[in-house]
C-alpha atoms as a PDB file:
ATOM      1  CA  UNK A   1      21.260 -36.356  -2.080  1.00  0.00           C
ATOM      2  CA  UNK A   2      24.143 -34.060  -1.182  1.00  0.00           C
ATOM      3  CA  UNK A   3      23.817 -30.817   0.335  1.00  0.00           C
ATOM      4  CA  UNK A   4      25.040 -29.064  -2.769  1.00  0.00           C
ATOM      5  CA  UNK A   5      22.710 -30.953  -4.936  1.00  0.00           C
ATOM      6  CA  UNK A   6      19.867 -29.963  -2.783  1.00  0.00           C
ATOM      7  CA  UNK A   7      20.556 -26.403  -2.998  1.00  0.00           C
ATOM      8  CA  UNK A   8      21.137 -26.617  -6.858  1.00  0.00           C
ATOM      9  CA  UNK A   9      17.871 -28.444  -7.312  1.00  0.00           C
ATOM     10  CA  UNK A  10      15.788 -26.201  -5.020  1.00  0.00           C
ATOM     11  CA  UNK A  11      17.086 -22.912  -6.830  1.00  0.00           C
ATOM     12  CA  UNK A  12      16.311 -24.487 -10.181  1.00  0.00           C
ATOM     13  CA  UNK A  13      12.712 -25.187  -9.171  1.00  0.00           C
ATOM     14  CA  UNK A  14      12.357 -21.872  -7.913  1.00  0.00           C
ATOM     15  CA  UNK A  15      13.752 -20.094 -11.141  1.00  0.00           C
ATOM     16  CA  UNK A  16      11.498 -22.471 -13.125  1.00  0.00           C
ATOM     17  CA  UNK A  17       8.451 -21.594 -11.229  1.00  0.00           C
ATOM     18  CA  UNK A  18       8.098 -25.346 -10.258  1.00  0.00           C
ATOM     19  CA  UNK A  19       7.058 -24.945  -6.700  1.00  0.00           C
ATOM     20  CA  UNK A  20       4.013 -25.214  -4.607  1.00  0.00           C
ATOM     21  CA  UNK A  21       3.218 -24.849  -0.722  1.00  0.00           C
ATOM     22  CA  UNK A  22       2.066 -27.438   1.620  1.00  0.00           C
ATOM     23  CA  UNK A  23      -1.533 -26.670   3.297  1.00  0.00           C
ATOM     24  CA  UNK A  24      -0.874 -26.034   7.020  1.00  0.00           C
ATOM     25  CA  UNK A  25      -2.032 -24.256   9.847  1.00  0.00           C
ATOM     26  CA  UNK A  26      -0.754 -20.710  10.866  1.00  0.00           C
ATOM     27  CA  UNK A  27       0.355 -20.327   7.287  1.00  0.00           C
ATOM     28  CA  UNK A  28       0.385 -16.491   7.706  1.00  0.00           C
ATOM     29  CA  UNK A  29       3.246 -16.782  10.019  1.00  0.00           C
ATOM     30  CA  UNK A  30       4.816 -20.070   9.082  1.00  0.00           C
ATOM     31  CA  UNK A  31       5.145 -19.686   5.303  1.00  0.00           C
ATOM     32  CA  UNK A  32       5.617 -16.000   4.316  1.00  0.00           C
ATOM     33  CA  UNK A  33       6.615 -17.050   0.892  1.00  0.00           C
ATOM     34  CA  UNK A  34       3.058 -18.776   0.224  1.00  0.00           C
ATOM     35  CA  UNK A  35       1.253 -15.482   1.591  1.00  0.00           C
ATOM     36  CA  UNK A  36       3.628 -13.242  -0.609  1.00  0.00           C
ATOM     37  CA  UNK A  37       5.339 -11.544   2.292  1.00  0.00           C
ATOM     38  CA  UNK A  38       8.728 -12.647   0.794  1.00  0.00           C
ATOM     39  CA  UNK A  39       9.462 -13.302  -2.865  1.00  0.00           C
ATOM     40  CA  UNK A  40      11.054 -16.008  -5.080  1.00  0.00           C
ATOM     41  CA  UNK A  41      14.116 -14.024  -5.286  1.00  0.00           C
ATOM     42  CA  UNK A  42      14.269 -13.607  -1.375  1.00  0.00           C
ATOM     43  CA  UNK A  43      13.906 -17.445  -1.010  1.00  0.00           C
ATOM     44  CA  UNK A  44      16.636 -18.147  -3.634  1.00  0.00           C
ATOM     45  CA  UNK A  45      18.859 -15.762  -1.611  1.00  0.00           C
ATOM     46  CA  UNK A  46      18.087 -17.581   1.568  1.00  0.00           C
ATOM     47  CA  UNK A  47      18.679 -21.047  -0.002  1.00  0.00           C
ATOM     48  CA  UNK A  48      21.835 -19.913  -1.885  1.00  0.00           C
ATOM     49  CA  UNK A  49      23.366 -18.269   1.135  1.00  0.00           C
ATOM     50  CA  UNK A  50      22.930 -21.193   3.616  1.00  0.00           C
ATOM     51  CA  UNK A  51      26.037 -23.157   4.542  1.00  0.00           C
ATOM     52  CA  UNK A  52      26.101 -26.735   5.198  1.00  0.00           C
ATOM     53  CA  UNK A  53      26.494 -26.281   8.951  1.00  0.00           C
ATOM     54  CA  UNK A  54      22.922 -24.609   8.906  1.00  0.00           C
ATOM     55  CA  UNK A  55      21.326 -27.413   6.898  1.00  0.00           C
ATOM     56  CA  UNK A  56      19.388 -30.491   8.113  1.00  0.00           C
ATOM     57  CA  UNK A  57      17.551 -33.335   6.485  1.00  0.00           C
ATOM     58  CA  UNK A  58      14.869 -35.768   7.913  1.00  0.00           C
ATOM     59  CA  UNK A  59      12.288 -38.090   6.808  1.00  0.00           C
ATOM     60  CA  UNK A  60       8.952 -36.603   6.233  1.00  0.00           C
ATOM     61  CA  UNK A  61       6.536 -37.449   9.222  1.00  0.00           C
ATOM     62  CA  UNK A  62       3.783 -38.478   6.870  1.00  0.00           C
ATOM     63  CA  UNK A  63       5.947 -40.549   4.485  1.00  0.00           C
ATOM     64  CA  UNK A  64       9.531 -41.651   5.561  1.00  0.00           C
ATOM     65  CA  UNK A  65      10.675 -42.074   1.889  1.00  0.00           C
ATOM     66  CA  UNK A  66      10.580 -38.430   1.407  1.00  0.00           C
ATOM     67  CA  UNK A  67      13.426 -36.244   2.538  1.00  0.00           C
ATOM     68  CA  UNK A  68      12.544 -33.040   4.328  1.00  0.00           C
ATOM     69  CA  UNK A  69      15.224 -30.338   3.989  1.00  0.00           C
ATOM     70  CA  UNK A  70      15.725 -27.456   6.530  1.00  0.00           C
ATOM     71  CA  UNK A  71      17.838 -24.555   5.948  1.00  0.00           C
ATOM     72  CA  UNK A  72      18.666 -21.852   8.618  1.00  0.00           C
ATOM     73  CA  UNK A  73      20.477 -19.148   7.012  1.00  0.00           C
ATOM     74  CA  UNK A  74      21.259 -15.668   8.618  1.00  0.00           C
ATOM     75  CA  UNK A  75      19.750 -12.638   6.863  1.00  0.00           C
ATOM     76  CA  UNK A  76      19.459  -9.014   7.809  1.00  0.00           C
ATOM     77  CA  UNK A  77      19.979  -9.900  11.463  1.00  0.00           C
ATOM     78  CA  UNK A  78      17.760 -12.782  11.807  1.00  0.00           C
ATOM     79  CA  UNK A  79      17.961 -16.537  11.596  1.00  0.00           C
ATOM     80  CA  UNK A  80      15.334 -17.792   8.853  1.00  0.00           C
ATOM     81  CA  UNK A  81      13.818 -21.155   8.641  1.00  0.00           C
ATOM     82  CA  UNK A  82      13.161 -22.695   5.375  1.00  0.00           C
ATOM     83  CA  UNK A  83      11.578 -26.099   5.246  1.00  0.00           C
ATOM     84  CA  UNK A  84      10.844 -27.956   1.998  1.00  0.00           C
ATOM     85  CA  UNK A  85      10.660 -31.356   0.222  1.00  0.00           C
ATOM     86  CA  UNK A  86      10.834 -32.339  -3.487  1.00  0.00           C
ATOM     87  CA  UNK A  87       7.841 -34.008  -5.165  1.00  0.00           C
ATOM     88  CA  UNK A  88       8.761 -34.522  -8.846  1.00  0.00           C
ATOM     89  CA  UNK A  89       9.075 -32.290 -10.860  1.00  0.00           C
ATOM     90  CA  UNK A  90       8.412 -29.554  -7.970  1.00  0.00           C
ATOM     91  CA  UNK A  91       9.685 -28.372  -4.696  1.00  0.00           C
ATOM     92  CA  UNK A  92       7.117 -28.052  -2.060  1.00  0.00           C
ATOM     93  CA  UNK A  93       7.387 -25.447   0.731  1.00  0.00           C
ATOM     94  CA  UNK A  94       6.333 -26.225   4.245  1.00  0.00           C
ATOM     95  CA  UNK A  95       7.858 -23.065   6.034  1.00  0.00           C
ATOM     96  CA  UNK A  96       9.571 -20.046   5.151  1.00  0.00           C
ATOM     97  CA  UNK A  97       9.668 -17.705   8.212  1.00  0.00           C
ATOM     98  CA  UNK A  98      12.110 -16.084  10.769  1.00  0.00           C
ATOM     99  CA  UNK A  99      13.052 -18.754  13.383  1.00  0.00           C
ATOM    100  CA  UNK A 100      11.426 -18.824  16.591  1.00  0.00           C
ATOM    101  CA  UNK A 101      13.439 -19.817  19.877  1.00  0.00           C
ATOM    102  CA  UNK A 102      12.938 -23.551  19.435  1.00  0.00           C
ATOM    103  CA  UNK A 103      14.034 -23.666  15.767  1.00  0.00           C
ATOM    104  CA  UNK A 104      17.462 -21.998  16.209  1.00  0.00           C
ATOM    105  CA  UNK A 105      19.374 -24.983  17.291  1.00  0.00           C
END
């Protein structure tokens, strides 16, 4: 799937409410969307405002047939980290948070 298609599909899932969050440790700092600290609108803005040079795609560590998408947009003086994958018909968020030093590159 091309970058532009990933953005479009992610935003569509968010506007339709077709999303969920992957269970993980440190969810209170690693997924601010899951904990309600940021809104759907904020995540849509993050994804919509990401350029292709701040995008990566790699296979999921548990299932290599699933593409994991990483967006690293710059918003309000901070680099953000948004990590998700698609599981029909939903988008599943792994992380939504401000980048740590190791996630910036």
